[in-house]
Amino acid sequence: MNRNTFSAFALSLTLAAGAASASTATLPNGQSVYGTAGQGMQATKVVDVNTAKTVNVYCGDVVQFTNGKQSFTWKFDVATHRSVNLQAVAPAGFTDKKLIVYVANNDSEIN
């Protein structure tokens, strides 16, 4: 392998590794590991991010988050039911507060 071929190969490996680490919050189909935007879905819970300290939900819950006049809705279908920092799913600029959402198994899931 000549020097130029090796450099190109090394660069492609570096770019692939960077892309893999940047996509750790997405599944191979491009969907978030935390669920989906709940546009048009009926919320089962409304949370004001200014007063909440933590949020407890069940997998599959649809939650509307409010921050003053802003709001967004999210359906939590979290892989391995791990906790989620709200900033990982909120629209850019929605809040700078670190609010943890704890996702538990729902009744229909096997424990």
PDB file of N, CA and C in Angstrom:
ATOM      1  N   MET A   1       0.860  -1.169   0.000  1.00  0.00           N
ATOM      2  CA  MET A   1       0.000   0.000   0.000  1.00  0.00           C
ATOM      3  C   MET A   1       0.907   1.234   0.000  1.00  0.00           C
ATOM      4  N   ASN A   2       0.697   2.139  -0.965  1.00  0.00           N
ATOM      5  CA  ASN A   2       1.539   3.327  -0.995  1.00  0.00           C
ATOM      6  C   ASN A   2       1.051   4.364   0.022  1.00  0.00           C
ATOM      7  N   ARG A   3       1.831   5.378   0.209  1.00  0.00           N
ATOM      8  CA  ARG A   3       1.561   6.384   1.245  1.00  0.00           C
ATOM      9  C   ARG A   3       0.212   7.079   1.033  1.00  0.00           C
ATOM     10  N   ASN A   4      -0.146   7.446  -0.207  1.00  0.00           N
ATOM     11  CA  ASN A   4      -1.410   8.120  -0.486  1.00  0.00           C
ATOM     12  C   ASN A   4      -2.604   7.208  -0.221  1.00  0.00           C
ATOM     13  N   THR A   5      -2.493   5.948  -0.618  1.00  0.00           N
ATOM     14  CA  THR A   5      -3.572   4.988  -0.376  1.00  0.00           C
ATOM     15  C   THR A   5      -3.764   4.781   1.114  1.00  0.00           C
ATOM     16  N   PHE A   6      -2.650   4.656   1.850  1.00  0.00           N
ATOM     17  CA  PHE A   6      -2.728   4.462   3.294  1.00  0.00           C
ATOM     18  C   PHE A   6      -3.375   5.671   3.959  1.00  0.00           C
ATOM     19  N   SER A   7      -2.998   6.880   3.551  1.00  0.00           N
ATOM     20  CA  SER A   7      -3.563   8.105   4.132  1.00  0.00           C
ATOM     21  C   SER A   7      -5.061   8.192   3.872  1.00  0.00           C
ATOM     22  N   ALA A   8      -5.483   7.860   2.661  1.00  0.00           N
ATOM     23  CA  ALA A   8      -6.906   7.888   2.331  1.00  0.00           C
ATOM     24  C   ALA A   8      -7.670   6.857   3.151  1.00  0.00           C
ATOM     25  N   PHE A   9      -7.073   5.672   3.321  1.00  0.00           N
ATOM     26  CA  PHE A   9      -7.699   4.614   4.120  1.00  0.00           C
ATOM     27  C   PHE A   9      -7.829   5.050   5.578  1.00  0.00           C
ATOM     28  N   ALA A  10      -6.766   5.627   6.134  1.00  0.00           N
ATOM     29  CA  ALA A  10      -6.783   6.091   7.522  1.00  0.00           C
ATOM     30  C   ALA A  10      -7.829   7.192   7.712  1.00  0.00           C
ATOM     31  N   LEU A  11      -7.919   8.103   6.747  1.00  0.00           N
ATOM     32  CA  LEU A  11      -8.906   9.168   6.823  1.00  0.00           C
ATOM     33  C   LEU A  11     -10.317   8.604   6.797  1.00  0.00           C
ATOM     34  N   SER A  12     -10.583   7.622   5.936  1.00  0.00           N
ATOM     35  CA  SER A  12     -11.926   7.045   5.865  1.00  0.00           C
ATOM     36  C   SER A  12     -12.289   6.334   7.164  1.00  0.00           C
ATOM     37  N   LEU A  13     -11.313   5.667   7.795  1.00  0.00           N
ATOM     38  CA  LEU A  13     -11.572   5.025   9.091  1.00  0.00           C
ATOM     39  C   LEU A  13     -11.880   6.061  10.164  1.00  0.00           C
ATOM     40  N   THR A  14     -11.156   7.150  10.166  1.00  0.00           N
ATOM     41  CA  THR A  14     -11.374   8.220  11.137  1.00  0.00           C
ATOM     42  C   THR A  14     -12.754   8.825  10.963  1.00  0.00           C
ATOM     43  N   LEU A  15     -13.146   9.095   9.717  1.00  0.00           N
ATOM     44  CA  LEU A  15     -14.472   9.654   9.450  1.00  0.00           C
ATOM     45  C   LEU A  15     -15.573   8.679   9.843  1.00  0.00           C
ATOM     46  N   ALA A  16     -15.384   7.406   9.566  1.00  0.00           N
ATOM     47  CA  ALA A  16     -16.381   6.401   9.935  1.00  0.00           C
ATOM     48  C   ALA A  16     -16.521   6.310  11.442  1.00  0.00           C
ATOM     49  N   ALA A  17     -15.422   6.370  12.163  1.00  0.00           N
ATOM     50  CA  ALA A  17     -15.476   6.313  13.624  1.00  0.00           C
ATOM     51  C   ALA A  17     -16.194   7.538  14.179  1.00  0.00           C
ATOM     52  N   GLY A  18     -15.940   8.688  13.599  1.00  0.00           N
ATOM     53  CA  GLY A  18     -16.620   9.909  14.038  1.00  0.00           C
ATOM     54  C   GLY A  18     -18.100   9.850  13.775  1.00  0.00           C
ATOM     55  N   ALA A  19     -18.482   9.328  12.619  1.00  0.00           N
ATOM     56  CA  ALA A  19     -19.900   9.196  12.299  1.00  0.00           C
ATOM     57  C   ALA A  19     -20.574   8.218  13.239  1.00  0.00           C
ATOM     58  N   ALA A  20     -19.893   7.139  13.580  1.00  0.00           N
ATOM     59  CA  ALA A  20     -20.471   6.157  14.494  1.00  0.00           C
ATOM     60  C   ALA A  20     -20.682   6.751  15.867  1.00  0.00           C
ATOM     61  N   SER A  21     -19.730   7.528  16.370  1.00  0.00           N
ATOM     62  CA  SER A  21     -19.886   8.096  17.702  1.00  0.00           C
ATOM     63  C   SER A  21     -20.935   9.199  17.706  1.00  0.00           C
ATOM     64  N   ALA A  22     -21.091   9.922  16.590  1.00  0.00           N
ATOM     65  CA  ALA A  22     -22.089  10.983  16.523  1.00  0.00           C
ATOM     66  C   ALA A  22     -23.495  10.423  16.445  1.00  0.00           C
ATOM     67  N   SER A  23     -23.636   9.177  16.026  1.00  0.00           N
ATOM     68  CA  SER A  23     -24.972   8.623  15.848  1.00  0.00           C
ATOM     69  C   SER A  23     -25.350   7.656  16.955  1.00  0.00           C
ATOM     70  N   THR A  24     -24.699   7.732  18.109  1.00  0.00           N
ATOM     71  CA  THR A  24     -24.994   6.793  19.181  1.00  0.00           C
ATOM     72  C   THR A  24     -26.410   6.941  19.723  1.00  0.00           C
ATOM     73  N   ALA A  25     -27.065   8.074  19.486  1.00  0.00           N
ATOM     74  CA  ALA A  25     -28.423   8.267  19.977  1.00  0.00           C
ATOM     75  C   ALA A  25     -29.466   7.907  18.921  1.00  0.00           C
ATOM     76  N   THR A  26     -29.033   7.279  17.820  1.00  0.00           N
ATOM     77  CA  THR A  26     -29.980   6.878  16.792  1.00  0.00           C
ATOM     78  C   THR A  26     -29.830   5.397  16.463  1.00  0.00           C
ATOM     79  N   LEU A  27     -30.919   4.841  16.020  1.00  0.00           N
ATOM     80  CA  LEU A  27     -30.939   3.457  15.569  1.00  0.00           C
ATOM     81  C   LEU A  27     -30.477   3.404  14.121  1.00  0.00           C
ATOM     82  N   PRO A  28     -30.180   2.220  13.584  1.00  0.00           N
ATOM     83  CA  PRO A  28     -29.749   2.126  12.187  1.00  0.00           C
ATOM     84  C   PRO A  28     -30.742   2.748  11.189  1.00  0.00           C
ATOM     85  N   ASN A  29     -32.045   2.793  11.553  1.00  0.00           N
ATOM     86  CA  ASN A  29     -33.034   3.384  10.652  1.00  0.00           C
ATOM     87  C   ASN A  29     -33.124   4.903  10.788  1.00  0.00           C
ATOM     88  N   GLY A  30     -32.246   5.487  11.641  1.00  0.00           N
ATOM     89  CA  GLY A  30     -32.225   6.934  11.809  1.00  0.00           C
ATOM     90  C   GLY A  30     -33.134   7.446  12.912  1.00  0.00           C
ATOM     91  N   GLN A  31     -33.950   6.595  13.488  1.00  0.00           N
ATOM     92  CA  GLN A  31     -34.853   7.003  14.565  1.00  0.00           C
ATOM     93  C   GLN A  31     -34.086   7.132  15.880  1.00  0.00           C
ATOM     94  N   SER A  32     -34.566   7.972  16.765  1.00  0.00           N
ATOM     95  CA  SER A  32     -33.931   8.172  18.063  1.00  0.00           C
ATOM     96  C   SER A  32     -34.120   6.941  18.944  1.00  0.00           C
ATOM     97  N   VAL A  33     -33.110   6.621  19.754  1.00  0.00           N
ATOM     98  CA  VAL A  33     -33.237   5.518  20.710  1.00  0.00           C
ATOM     99  C   VAL A  33     -34.141   5.913  21.872  1.00  0.00           C
ATOM    100  N   TYR A  34     -34.536   7.172  21.931  1.00  0.00           N
ATOM    101  CA  TYR A  34     -35.372   7.660  23.022  1.00  0.00           C
ATOM    102  C   TYR A  34     -36.854   7.712  22.674  1.00  0.00           C
ATOM    103  N   GLY A  35     -37.213   7.466  21.435  1.00  0.00           N
ATOM    104  CA  GLY A  35     -38.618   7.521  21.030  1.00  0.00           C
ATOM    105  C   GLY A  35     -38.789   8.362  19.784  1.00  0.00           C
ATOM    106  N   THR A  36     -39.958   9.004  19.686  1.00  0.00           N
ATOM    107  CA  THR A  36     -40.280   9.799  18.503  1.00  0.00           C
ATOM    108  C   THR A  36     -41.008  11.074  18.893  1.00  0.00           C
ATOM    109  N   ALA A  37     -40.913  12.071  18.029  1.00  0.00           N
ATOM    110  CA  ALA A  37     -41.688  13.291  18.234  1.00  0.00           C
ATOM    111  C   ALA A  37     -43.163  12.925  18.224  1.00  0.00           C
ATOM    112  N   GLY A  38     -43.900  13.496  19.132  1.00  0.00           N
ATOM    113  CA  GLY A  38     -45.310  13.132  19.287  1.00  0.00           C
ATOM    114  C   GLY A  38     -46.269  14.079  18.617  1.00  0.00           C
ATOM    115  N   GLN A  39     -45.868  14.687  17.507  1.00  0.00           N
ATOM    116  CA  GLN A  39     -46.757  15.609  16.809  1.00  0.00           C
ATOM    117  C   GLN A  39     -48.053  14.920  16.451  1.00  0.00           C
ATOM    118  N   GLY A  40     -49.169  15.544  16.813  1.00  0.00           N
ATOM    119  CA  GLY A  40     -50.477  14.995  16.504  1.00  0.00           C
ATOM    120  C   GLY A  40     -50.938  13.909  17.466  1.00  0.00           C
ATOM    121  N   MET A  41     -50.103  13.532  18.433  1.00  0.00           N
ATOM    122  CA  MET A  41     -50.476  12.509  19.408  1.00  0.00           C
ATOM    123  C   MET A  41     -51.061  13.169  20.654  1.00  0.00           C
ATOM    124  N   GLN A  42     -51.989  12.490  21.290  1.00  0.00           N
ATOM    125  CA  GLN A  42     -52.584  12.973  22.532  1.00  0.00           C
ATOM    126  C   GLN A  42     -51.622  12.722  23.686  1.00  0.00           C
ATOM    127  N   ALA A  43     -51.234  13.768  24.395  1.00  0.00           N
ATOM    128  CA  ALA A  43     -50.317  13.635  25.520  1.00  0.00           C
ATOM    129  C   ALA A  43     -51.015  12.990  26.711  1.00  0.00           C
ATOM    130  N   THR A  44     -50.292  12.089  27.382  1.00  0.00           N
ATOM    131  CA  THR A  44     -50.802  11.462  28.607  1.00  0.00           C
ATOM    132  C   THR A  44     -50.341  12.223  29.837  1.00  0.00           C
ATOM    133  N   LYS A  45     -49.411  13.152  29.649  1.00  0.00           N
ATOM    134  CA  LYS A  45     -48.858  13.931  30.759  1.00  0.00           C
ATOM    135  C   LYS A  45     -48.354  15.252  30.210  1.00  0.00           C
ATOM    136  N   VAL A  46     -48.496  16.331  31.002  1.00  0.00           N
ATOM    137  CA  VAL A  46     -47.958  17.637  30.644  1.00  0.00           C
ATOM    138  C   VAL A  46     -46.955  18.027  31.726  1.00  0.00           C
ATOM    139  N   VAL A  47     -45.764  18.440  31.309  1.00  0.00           N
ATOM    140  CA  VAL A  47     -44.699  18.786  32.243  1.00  0.00           C
ATOM    141  C   VAL A  47     -44.196  20.197  31.941  1.00  0.00           C
ATOM    142  N   ASP A  48     -44.218  21.064  32.960  1.00  0.00           N
ATOM    143  CA  ASP A  48     -43.634  22.397  32.860  1.00  0.00           C
ATOM    144  C   ASP A  48     -42.172  22.278  33.257  1.00  0.00           C
ATOM    145  N   VAL A  49     -41.268  22.500  32.324  1.00  0.00           N
ATOM    146  CA  VAL A  49     -39.841  22.300  32.607  1.00  0.00           C
ATOM    147  C   VAL A  49     -39.305  23.286  33.635  1.00  0.00           C
ATOM    148  N   ASN A  50     -40.001  24.387  33.844  1.00  0.00           N
ATOM    149  CA  ASN A  50     -39.541  25.379  34.807  1.00  0.00           C
ATOM    150  C   ASN A  50     -39.782  24.961  36.248  1.00  0.00           C
ATOM    151  N   THR A  51     -40.743  24.083  36.476  1.00  0.00           N
ATOM    152  CA  THR A  51     -41.052  23.664  37.847  1.00  0.00           C
ATOM    153  C   THR A  51     -40.666  22.212  38.128  1.00  0.00           C
ATOM    154  N   ALA A  52     -40.468  21.416  37.108  1.00  0.00           N
ATOM    155  CA  ALA A  52     -40.155  19.992  37.303  1.00  0.00           C
ATOM    156  C   ALA A  52     -38.697  19.806  37.713  1.00  0.00           C
ATOM    157  N   LYS A  53     -38.483  18.854  38.621  1.00  0.00           N
ATOM    158  CA  LYS A  53     -37.116  18.485  39.011  1.00  0.00           C
ATOM    159  C   LYS A  53     -36.701  17.188  38.323  1.00  0.00           C
ATOM    160  N   THR A  54     -37.600  16.233  38.235  1.00  0.00           N
ATOM    161  CA  THR A  54     -37.430  14.999  37.464  1.00  0.00           C
ATOM    162  C   THR A  54     -38.790  14.634  36.896  1.00  0.00           C
ATOM    163  N   VAL A  55     -38.781  13.729  35.932  1.00  0.00           N
ATOM    164  CA  VAL A  55     -40.030  13.286  35.303  1.00  0.00           C
ATOM    165  C   VAL A  55     -39.998  11.766  35.256  1.00  0.00           C
ATOM    166  N   ASN A  56     -41.086  11.136  35.700  1.00  0.00           N
ATOM    167  CA  ASN A  56     -41.220   9.686  35.641  1.00  0.00           C
ATOM    168  C   ASN A  56     -42.302   9.334  34.632  1.00  0.00           C
ATOM    169  N   VAL A  57     -41.959   8.482  33.664  1.00  0.00           N
ATOM    170  CA  VAL A  57     -42.912   8.051  32.649  1.00  0.00           C
ATOM    171  C   VAL A  57     -42.777   6.548  32.445  1.00  0.00           C
ATOM    172  N   TYR A  58     -43.764   5.977  31.767  1.00  0.00           N
ATOM    173  CA  TYR A  58     -43.702   4.583  31.340  1.00  0.00           C
ATOM    174  C   TYR A  58     -43.358   4.556  29.859  1.00  0.00           C
ATOM    175  N   CYS A  59     -42.702   3.507  29.438  1.00  0.00           N
ATOM    176  CA  CYS A  59     -42.383   3.339  28.033  1.00  0.00           C
ATOM    177  C   CYS A  59     -43.680   3.400  27.229  1.00  0.00           C
ATOM    178  N   GLY A  60     -43.708   4.233  26.220  1.00  0.00           N
ATOM    179  CA  GLY A  60     -44.899   4.419  25.398  1.00  0.00           C
ATOM    180  C   GLY A  60     -45.695   5.658  25.752  1.00  0.00           C
ATOM    181  N   ASP A  61     -45.413   6.280  26.905  1.00  0.00           N
ATOM    182  CA  ASP A  61     -46.116   7.502  27.277  1.00  0.00           C
ATOM    183  C   ASP A  61     -45.791   8.633  26.310  1.00  0.00           C
ATOM    184  N   VAL A  62     -46.797   9.465  26.079  1.00  0.00           N
ATOM    185  CA  VAL A  62     -46.641  10.656  25.257  1.00  0.00           C
ATOM    186  C   VAL A  62     -46.724  11.853  26.201  1.00  0.00           C
ATOM    187  N   VAL A  63     -45.671  12.658  26.224  1.00  0.00           N
ATOM    188  CA  VAL A  63     -45.563  13.761  27.177  1.00  0.00           C
ATOM    189  C   VAL A  63     -45.422  15.080  26.432  1.00  0.00           C
ATOM    190  N   GLN A  64     -46.204  16.067  26.863  1.00  0.00           N
ATOM    191  CA  GLN A  64     -46.048  17.420  26.328  1.00  0.00           C
ATOM    192  C   GLN A  64     -45.206  18.206  27.329  1.00  0.00           C
ATOM    193  N   PHE A  65     -44.126  18.793  26.858  1.00  0.00           N
ATOM    194  CA  PHE A  65     -43.256  19.622  27.683  1.00  0.00           C
ATOM    195  C   PHE A  65     -43.517  21.075  27.331  1.00  0.00           C
ATOM    196  N   THR A  66     -43.664  21.918  28.362  1.00  0.00           N
ATOM    197  CA  THR A  66     -43.890  23.336  28.147  1.00  0.00           C
ATOM    198  C   THR A  66     -42.769  24.142  28.790  1.00  0.00           C
ATOM    199  N   ASN A  67     -42.460  25.257  28.170  1.00  0.00           N
ATOM    200  CA  ASN A  67     -41.479  26.203  28.693  1.00  0.00           C
ATOM    201  C   ASN A  67     -41.975  27.579  28.282  1.00  0.00           C
ATOM    202  N   GLY A  68     -42.729  28.210  29.171  1.00  0.00           N
ATOM    203  CA  GLY A  68     -43.371  29.480  28.814  1.00  0.00           C
ATOM    204  C   GLY A  68     -44.374  29.241  27.699  1.00  0.00           C
ATOM    205  N   LYS A  69     -44.202  29.941  26.585  1.00  0.00           N
ATOM    206  CA  LYS A  69     -45.116  29.788  25.443  1.00  0.00           C
ATOM    207  C   LYS A  69     -44.684  28.685  24.483  1.00  0.00           C
ATOM    208  N   GLN A  70     -43.504  28.103  24.708  1.00  0.00           N
ATOM    209  CA  GLN A  70     -43.018  27.026  23.851  1.00  0.00           C
ATOM    210  C   GLN A  70     -43.498  25.686  24.374  1.00  0.00           C
ATOM    211  N   SER A  71     -43.697  24.746  23.459  1.00  0.00           N
ATOM    212  CA  SER A  71     -44.018  23.376  23.867  1.00  0.00           C
ATOM    213  C   SER A  71     -43.634  22.411  22.754  1.00  0.00           C
ATOM    214  N   PHE A  72     -43.425  21.164  23.149  1.00  0.00           N
ATOM    215  CA  PHE A  72     -43.234  20.085  22.190  1.00  0.00           C
ATOM    216  C   PHE A  72     -43.709  18.810  22.862  1.00  0.00           C
ATOM    217  N   THR A  73     -44.013  17.818  22.037  1.00  0.00           N
ATOM    218  CA  THR A  73     -44.532  16.544  22.536  1.00  0.00           C
ATOM    219  C   THR A  73     -43.595  15.429  22.105  1.00  0.00           C
ATOM    220  N   TRP A  74     -43.362  14.469  23.025  1.00  0.00           N
ATOM    221  CA  TRP A  74     -42.450  13.365  22.755  1.00  0.00           C
ATOM    222  C   TRP A  74     -43.061  12.059  23.244  1.00  0.00           C
ATOM    223  N   LYS A  75     -42.975  11.014  22.415  1.00  0.00           N
ATOM    224  CA  LYS A  75     -43.395   9.671  22.804  1.00  0.00           C
ATOM    225  C   LYS A  75     -42.146   8.895  23.203  1.00  0.00           C
ATOM    226  N   PHE A  76     -42.088   8.475  24.459  1.00  0.00           N
ATOM    227  CA  PHE A  76     -40.916   7.780  24.992  1.00  0.00           C
ATOM    228  C   PHE A  76     -40.994   6.287  24.716  1.00  0.00           C
ATOM    229  N   ASP A  77     -40.233   5.829  23.752  1.00  0.00           N
ATOM    230  CA  ASP A  77     -40.015   4.409  23.456  1.00  0.00           C
ATOM    231  C   ASP A  77     -38.513   4.213  23.574  1.00  0.00           C
ATOM    232  N   VAL A  78     -38.052   4.089  24.800  1.00  0.00           N
ATOM    233  CA  VAL A  78     -36.629   4.134  25.085  1.00  0.00           C
ATOM    234  C   VAL A  78     -36.022   2.736  25.118  1.00  0.00           C
ATOM    235  N   ALA A  79     -34.998   2.549  24.307  1.00  0.00           N
ATOM    236  CA  ALA A  79     -34.274   1.280  24.316  1.00  0.00           C
ATOM    237  C   ALA A  79     -33.684   1.064  25.703  1.00  0.00           C
ATOM    238  N   THR A  80     -33.887  -0.075  26.250  1.00  0.00           N
ATOM    239  CA  THR A  80     -33.408  -0.501  27.580  1.00  0.00           C
ATOM    240  C   THR A  80     -33.959   0.340  28.724  1.00  0.00           C
ATOM    241  N   HIS A  81     -34.966   1.150  28.472  1.00  0.00           N
ATOM    242  CA  HIS A  81     -35.642   1.933  29.509  1.00  0.00           C
ATOM    243  C   HIS A  81     -34.692   2.761  30.362  1.00  0.00           C
ATOM    244  N   ARG A  82     -33.670   3.279  29.752  1.00  0.00           N
ATOM    245  CA  ARG A  82     -32.723   4.113  30.489  1.00  0.00           C
ATOM    246  C   ARG A  82     -33.263   5.535  30.639  1.00  0.00           C
ATOM    247  N   SER A  83     -32.671   6.276  31.557  1.00  0.00           N
ATOM    248  CA  SER A  83     -33.084   7.662  31.752  1.00  0.00           C
ATOM    249  C   SER A  83     -32.619   8.514  30.569  1.00  0.00           C
ATOM    250  N   VAL A  84     -33.319   9.616  30.358  1.00  0.00           N
ATOM    251  CA  VAL A  84     -33.059  10.491  29.219  1.00  0.00           C
ATOM    252  C   VAL A  84     -32.922  11.921  29.716  1.00  0.00           C
ATOM    253  N   ASN A  85     -31.865  12.589  29.316  1.00  0.00           N
ATOM    254  CA  ASN A  85     -31.751  14.022  29.567  1.00  0.00           C
ATOM    255  C   ASN A  85     -32.681  14.698  28.559  1.00  0.00           C
ATOM    256  N   LEU A  86     -33.598  15.521  29.032  1.00  0.00           N
ATOM    257  CA  LEU A  86     -34.577  16.156  28.155  1.00  0.00           C
ATOM    258  C   LEU A  86     -33.913  16.882  26.987  1.00  0.00           C
ATOM    259  N   GLN A  87     -32.744  17.441  27.202  1.00  0.00           N
ATOM    260  CA  GLN A  87     -32.053  18.157  26.134  1.00  0.00           C
ATOM    261  C   GLN A  87     -31.723  17.256  24.941  1.00  0.00           C
ATOM    262  N   ALA A  88     -31.684  15.937  25.156  1.00  0.00           N
ATOM    263  CA  ALA A  88     -31.380  15.007  24.064  1.00  0.00           C
ATOM    264  C   ALA A  88     -32.545  14.874  23.088  1.00  0.00           C
ATOM    265  N   VAL A  89     -33.760  15.221  23.516  1.00  0.00           N
ATOM    266  CA  VAL A  89     -34.925  15.070  22.638  1.00  0.00           C
ATOM    267  C   VAL A  89     -35.639  16.385  22.350  1.00  0.00           C
ATOM    268  N   ALA A  90     -35.350  17.414  23.132  1.00  0.00           N
ATOM    269  CA  ALA A  90     -36.026  18.703  22.955  1.00  0.00           C
ATOM    270  C   ALA A  90     -35.514  19.423  21.712  1.00  0.00           C
ATOM    271  N   PRO A  91     -36.364  20.241  21.108  1.00  0.00           N
ATOM    272  CA  PRO A  91     -35.904  21.063  19.982  1.00  0.00           C
ATOM    273  C   PRO A  91     -34.767  21.989  20.437  1.00  0.00           C
ATOM    274  N   ALA A  92     -33.901  22.334  19.541  1.00  0.00           N
ATOM    275  CA  ALA A  92     -32.777  23.223  19.851  1.00  0.00           C
ATOM    276  C   ALA A  92     -33.293  24.511  20.481  1.00  0.00           C
ATOM    277  N   GLY A  93     -32.665  24.905  21.588  1.00  0.00           N
ATOM    278  CA  GLY A  93     -33.025  26.153  22.247  1.00  0.00           C
ATOM    279  C   GLY A  93     -34.259  26.074  23.137  1.00  0.00           C
ATOM    280  N   PHE A  94     -34.855  24.893  23.280  1.00  0.00           N
ATOM    281  CA  PHE A  94     -36.067  24.781  24.089  1.00  0.00           C
ATOM    282  C   PHE A  94     -35.787  25.060  25.559  1.00  0.00           C
ATOM    283  N   THR A  95     -34.730  24.477  26.097  1.00  0.00           N
ATOM    284  CA  THR A  95     -34.345  24.710  27.485  1.00  0.00           C
ATOM    285  C   THR A  95     -32.860  24.430  27.658  1.00  0.00           C
ATOM    286  N   ASP A  96     -32.254  25.129  28.604  1.00  0.00           N
ATOM    287  CA  ASP A  96     -30.872  24.830  28.951  1.00  0.00           C
ATOM    288  C   ASP A  96     -30.804  24.095  30.287  1.00  0.00           C
ATOM    289  N   LYS A  97     -31.966  23.802  30.848  1.00  0.00           N
ATOM    290  CA  LYS A  97     -32.055  23.084  32.121  1.00  0.00           C
ATOM    291  C   LYS A  97     -31.830  21.589  31.897  1.00  0.00           C
ATOM    292  N   LYS A  98     -31.024  20.983  32.769  1.00  0.00           N
ATOM    293  CA  LYS A  98     -30.836  19.535  32.707  1.00  0.00           C
ATOM    294  C   LYS A  98     -31.984  18.898  33.487  1.00  0.00           C
ATOM    295  N   LEU A  99     -32.911  18.303  32.766  1.00  0.00           N
ATOM    296  CA  LEU A  99     -34.073  17.647  33.362  1.00  0.00           C
ATOM    297  C   LEU A  99     -34.045  16.185  32.944  1.00  0.00           C
ATOM    298  N   ILE A 100     -34.003  15.292  33.914  1.00  0.00           N
ATOM    299  CA  ILE A 100     -33.907  13.867  33.625  1.00  0.00           C
ATOM    300  C   ILE A 100     -35.301  13.248  33.587  1.00  0.00           C
ATOM    301  N   VAL A 101     -35.557  12.474  32.536  1.00  0.00           N
ATOM    302  CA  VAL A 101     -36.806  11.738  32.386  1.00  0.00           C
ATOM    303  C   VAL A 101     -36.477  10.268  32.636  1.00  0.00           C
ATOM    304  N   TYR A 102     -37.122   9.685  33.653  1.00  0.00           N
ATOM    305  CA  TYR A 102     -36.904   8.278  33.987  1.00  0.00           C
ATOM    306  C   TYR A 102     -38.004   7.455  33.331  1.00  0.00           C
ATOM    307  N   VAL A 103     -37.602   6.483  32.519  1.00  0.00           N
ATOM    308  CA  VAL A 103     -38.545   5.679  31.741  1.00  0.00           C
ATOM    309  C   VAL A 103     -38.598   4.265  32.317  1.00  0.00           C
ATOM    310  N   ALA A 104     -39.791   3.844  32.745  1.00  0.00           N
ATOM    311  CA  ALA A 104     -39.987   2.510  33.313  1.00  0.00           C
ATOM    312  C   ALA A 104     -40.739   1.632  32.322  1.00  0.00           C
ATOM    313  N   ASN A 105     -40.638   0.322  32.508  1.00  0.00           N
ATOM    314  CA  ASN A 105     -41.424  -0.626  31.701  1.00  0.00           C
ATOM    315  C   ASN A 105     -42.903  -0.313  31.876  1.00  0.00           C
ATOM    316  N   ASN A 106     -43.676  -0.485  30.811  1.00  0.00           N
ATOM    317  CA  ASN A 106     -45.120  -0.355  30.970  1.00  0.00           C
ATOM    318  C   ASN A 106     -45.697  -1.731  31.309  1.00  0.00           C
ATOM    319  N   ASP A 107     -46.971  -1.774  31.660  1.00  0.00           N
ATOM    320  CA  ASP A 107     -47.609  -3.011  32.120  1.00  0.00           C
ATOM    321  C   ASP A 107     -47.586  -4.151  31.101  1.00  0.00           C
ATOM    322  N   SER A 108     -47.542  -3.824  29.822  1.00  0.00           N
ATOM    323  CA  SER A 108     -47.600  -4.872  28.808  1.00  0.00           C
ATOM    324  C   SER A 108     -46.231  -5.454  28.466  1.00  0.00           C
ATOM    325  N   GLU A 109     -45.166  -4.892  29.010  1.00  0.00           N
ATOM    326  CA  GLU A 109     -43.823  -5.379  28.732  1.00  0.00           C
ATOM    327  C   GLU A 109     -43.415  -6.431  29.749  1.00  0.00           C
ATOM    328  N   ILE A 110     -42.670  -7.402  29.283  1.00  0.00           N
ATOM    329  CA  ILE A 110     -42.170  -8.454  30.153  1.00  0.00           C
ATOM    330  C   ILE A 110     -41.001  -7.900  30.945  1.00  0.00           C
ATOM    331  N   ASN A 111     -41.006  -8.131  32.231  1.00  0.00           N
ATOM    332  CA  ASN A 111     -39.909  -7.632  33.087  1.00  0.00           C
ATOM    333  C   ASN A 111     -38.741  -8.576  33.077  1.00  0.00           C
TER     334      ASN A 111
END
